[in-house]
């Protein structure tokens, strides 16, 4: 795409084709069968039948090729703090939190809520 306007227009003109192209940019554990099921408006089911892993796509798959590149940059206008985290550092924090949750008895399929203040 040459511009944001063209990118946006593509998403409107061919919604399913556009999102199928975007879906190629992530790894899928189970390929989806249909991009969008809109048989029950206003409710849509996206990437029907597909299964992916958010943590793998956001963090894990980048460890081999760019472990020291910034993955997350925190900037607080309230406290004027700034901190950058590499993919390696984010991965270490994810592993640490996973171990804590596992020690607390959280299992696959359990729901976990994180409630944090705005700082």
Protein backbone atom coordinates (compact mmCIF):
# COMPACT_ATOMS: atom_id res chain seq x y z
CA UNK A 1 0.00 0.00 0.00
CA UNK A 2 1.25 3.44 -0.81
CA UNK A 3 -0.68 5.45 1.77
CA UNK A 4 -2.95 5.17 4.74
CA UNK A 5 -5.88 6.33 2.59
CA UNK A 6 -5.27 3.50 0.09
CA UNK A 7 -4.84 1.00 2.93
CA UNK A 8 -8.13 2.11 4.50
CA UNK A 9 -9.95 2.10 1.16
CA UNK A 10 -8.78 -1.47 0.50
CA UNK A 11 -10.22 -2.55 3.86
CA UNK A 12 -13.61 -1.11 2.88
CA UNK A 13 -13.76 -2.29 -0.74
CA UNK A 14 -12.80 -5.90 -0.02
CA UNK A 15 -13.14 -6.49 3.72
CA UNK A 16 -12.55 -10.25 3.65
CA UNK A 17 -9.69 -10.04 1.14
CA UNK A 18 -8.03 -7.27 3.14
CA UNK A 19 -8.24 -9.18 6.43
CA UNK A 20 -7.11 -12.42 4.78
CA UNK A 21 -3.97 -10.55 3.68
CA UNK A 22 -3.42 -9.22 7.20
CA UNK A 23 -3.93 -12.70 8.66
CA UNK A 24 -0.98 -13.94 6.59
CA UNK A 25 1.26 -11.72 8.75
CA UNK A 26 0.72 -13.84 11.86
CA UNK A 27 1.32 -17.50 12.69
CA UNK A 28 -1.70 -19.77 13.03
CA UNK A 29 -1.81 -23.00 15.04
CA UNK A 30 -4.98 -23.97 13.17
CA UNK A 31 -5.81 -22.19 9.90
CA UNK A 32 -9.12 -20.37 9.80
CA UNK A 33 -11.89 -21.57 7.47
CA UNK A 34 -13.65 -18.25 6.94
CA UNK A 35 -12.45 -14.68 7.44
CA UNK A 36 -15.73 -13.26 8.73
CA UNK A 37 -19.10 -14.79 9.53
CA UNK A 38 -21.59 -11.92 9.63
CA UNK A 39 -24.73 -14.05 9.57
CA UNK A 40 -25.98 -12.60 12.87
CA UNK A 41 -25.60 -8.78 12.65
CA UNK A 42 -24.40 -6.81 14.47
CA UNK A 43 -22.29 -9.69 15.79
CA UNK A 44 -19.37 -10.89 13.69
CA UNK A 45 -17.20 -13.96 14.15
CA UNK A 46 -13.70 -13.36 12.81
CA UNK A 47 -11.32 -16.02 11.47
CA UNK A 48 -13.82 -18.81 12.09
CA UNK A 49 -12.21 -22.12 13.04
CA UNK A 50 -8.76 -20.58 13.36
CA UNK A 51 -6.56 -20.78 16.40
CA UNK A 52 -3.59 -18.57 17.15
CA UNK A 53 -1.50 -17.64 20.16
CA UNK A 54 -1.21 -13.97 21.04
CA UNK A 55 1.96 -14.35 23.09
CA UNK A 56 3.69 -16.33 20.35
CA UNK A 57 2.84 -13.72 17.72
CA UNK A 58 3.63 -10.70 19.90
CA UNK A 59 6.79 -11.97 21.59
CA UNK A 60 8.05 -15.53 21.11
CA UNK A 61 8.46 -15.60 17.33
CA UNK A 62 10.68 -12.51 17.42
CA UNK A 63 13.25 -14.00 19.82
CA UNK A 64 15.28 -15.76 17.11
CA UNK A 65 15.67 -12.81 14.75
CA UNK A 66 15.58 -9.70 16.94
CA UNK A 67 15.80 -10.48 20.65
CA UNK A 68 17.39 -7.16 21.58
CA UNK A 69 15.11 -4.93 19.49
CA UNK A 70 12.55 -2.83 21.35
CA UNK A 71 9.28 -4.71 21.75
CA UNK A 72 7.55 -2.33 24.14
CA UNK A 73 8.17 1.30 24.96
CA UNK A 74 6.49 2.68 28.06
CA UNK A 75 6.01 6.46 28.26
CA UNK A 76 4.09 8.03 31.14
CA UNK A 77 3.01 11.63 30.78
CA UNK A 78 1.90 11.54 34.44
CA UNK A 79 5.21 10.48 35.98
CA UNK A 80 7.48 11.42 33.07
CA UNK A 81 8.95 7.92 33.14
CA UNK A 82 10.16 6.19 30.00
CA UNK A 83 11.37 2.61 29.66
CA UNK A 84 12.04 0.40 26.67
CA UNK A 85 11.81 -3.39 26.87
CA UNK A 86 13.44 -5.71 24.34
CA UNK A 87 11.73 -8.86 23.08
CA UNK A 88 14.11 -10.80 25.34
CA UNK A 89 13.09 -8.74 28.40
CA UNK A 90 9.37 -8.99 27.64
CA UNK A 91 9.75 -12.76 27.18
CA UNK A 92 11.49 -13.06 30.55
CA UNK A 93 8.68 -11.10 32.25
CA UNK A 94 6.03 -13.21 30.53
CA UNK A 95 7.77 -16.39 31.72
CA UNK A 96 8.04 -15.00 35.26
CA UNK A 97 4.34 -14.11 35.36
CA UNK A 98 3.37 -17.48 33.86
CA UNK A 99 5.30 -19.24 36.64
CA UNK A 100 3.60 -17.12 39.30
CA UNK A 101 0.15 -17.90 37.88
CA UNK A 102 0.99 -21.59 37.61
CA UNK A 103 2.13 -21.63 41.26
CA UNK A 104 -1.24 -20.08 42.17
CA UNK A 105 -3.02 -22.97 40.46
CA UNK A 106 -4.12 -21.18 37.30
CA UNK A 107 -4.57 -23.69 34.48
CA UNK A 108 -5.13 -23.50 30.73
CA UNK A 109 -8.64 -22.23 30.05
CA UNK A 110 -8.91 -20.27 33.32
CA UNK A 111 -9.69 -16.59 33.03
CA UNK A 112 -7.34 -14.06 34.59
CA UNK A 113 -8.16 -10.39 35.16
CA UNK A 114 -5.53 -7.72 35.54
CA UNK A 115 -6.74 -4.52 37.20
CA UNK A 116 -4.22 -1.70 37.20
CA UNK A 117 -4.36 1.99 38.03
CA UNK A 118 -3.82 4.68 35.43
CA UNK A 119 -0.35 6.08 36.15
